[in-house]
Amino acid sequence: MYSDIKWQYKGYKVLIEFDVEPDNVKAFHYITTPDGLGAKTYMLKISPYDTEAATVNKIIDDFVENGLDISKVV
């Protein structure tokens, strides 16, 4: 019923991975930086109940404009 969601945005690879339990579903959000930035993967500090691409894209926009904000990653 729940399938992981993958897409690319501004050179970043994005993955929303679902943890499905009998009584609860949580989403974990990961981004991988572009190859030119060392291609590191980070888990984002986003509500596990938010599955909107716009939320992740907004964080990426902020990273592109201001650099990586470590307060937004685990």
Protein backbone atom coordinates (compact mmCIF):
# COMPACT_ATOMS: atom_id res chain seq x y z
CA MET A 1 0.00 0.00 0.00
CA TYR A 2 2.83 2.41 0.81
CA SER A 3 5.69 2.69 -1.64
CA ASP A 4 8.82 4.71 -1.05
CA ILE A 5 8.94 7.96 -3.01
CA LYS A 6 12.04 9.02 -4.98
CA TRP A 7 12.71 12.09 -7.08
CA GLN A 8 15.45 14.58 -7.95
CA TYR A 9 15.32 18.29 -7.26
CA LYS A 10 18.07 20.79 -8.15
CA GLY A 11 20.62 17.99 -8.39
CA TYR A 12 19.69 16.47 -5.02
CA LYS A 13 18.35 12.93 -4.85
CA VAL A 14 15.40 12.64 -2.50
CA LEU A 15 13.94 9.58 -0.82
CA ILE A 16 10.91 9.36 1.44
CA GLU A 17 11.01 5.92 3.01
CA PHE A 18 7.94 4.55 4.79
CA ASP A 19 8.00 2.52 7.99
CA VAL A 20 4.67 0.69 8.04
CA GLU A 21 3.47 -0.75 11.33
CA PRO A 22 0.04 -2.31 11.98
CA ASP A 23 -1.24 0.85 13.69
CA ASN A 24 1.01 3.59 12.32
CA VAL A 25 2.93 4.75 9.24
CA LYS A 26 5.93 7.04 9.47
CA ALA A 27 7.92 8.68 6.69
CA PHE A 28 11.67 9.18 6.91
CA HIS A 29 13.18 11.81 4.61
CA TYR A 30 16.64 11.55 3.05
CA ILE A 31 18.54 13.74 0.62
CA THR A 32 21.78 13.00 -1.18
CA THR A 33 23.79 16.04 -2.20
CA PRO A 34 24.94 16.43 -5.80
CA ASP A 35 28.19 14.69 -6.82
CA GLY A 36 29.99 18.05 -6.94
CA LEU A 37 29.29 18.46 -3.21
CA GLY A 38 30.64 15.03 -2.30
CA ALA A 39 27.36 13.09 -2.67
CA LYS A 40 26.64 12.73 1.05
CA THR A 41 23.29 11.45 2.28
CA TYR A 42 21.48 13.17 5.15
CA MET A 43 18.31 12.35 7.04
CA LEU A 44 16.14 15.44 7.39
CA LYS A 45 14.42 16.59 10.58
CA ILE A 46 10.87 16.64 9.23
CA SER A 47 7.70 15.35 10.87
CA PRO A 48 7.40 11.62 10.18
CA TYR A 49 3.79 12.28 9.18
CA ASP A 50 4.69 14.78 6.43
CA THR A 51 4.87 13.20 2.99
CA GLU A 52 4.73 16.39 0.91
CA ALA A 53 7.46 16.85 -1.69
CA ALA A 54 7.12 20.62 -1.23
CA THR A 55 8.43 20.35 2.34
CA VAL A 56 11.65 18.66 1.23
CA ASN A 57 12.02 20.89 -1.82
CA LYS A 58 11.79 23.99 0.40
CA ILE A 59 14.64 22.69 2.59
CA ILE A 60 16.73 21.98 -0.52
CA ASP A 61 16.02 25.51 -1.78
CA ASP A 62 17.33 26.82 1.54
CA PHE A 63 20.45 24.61 1.29
CA VAL A 64 21.13 25.82 -2.25
CA GLU A 65 20.75 29.46 -1.22
CA ASN A 66 22.44 29.39 2.22
CA GLY A 67 24.45 26.16 2.47
CA LEU A 68 23.74 23.09 4.56
CA ASP A 69 21.95 23.92 7.80
CA ILE A 70 22.96 21.20 10.26
CA SER A 71 19.95 22.02 12.44
CA LYS A 72 17.77 20.51 9.69
CA VAL A 73 19.59 17.18 9.39
CA VAL A 74 20.16 14.27 11.73
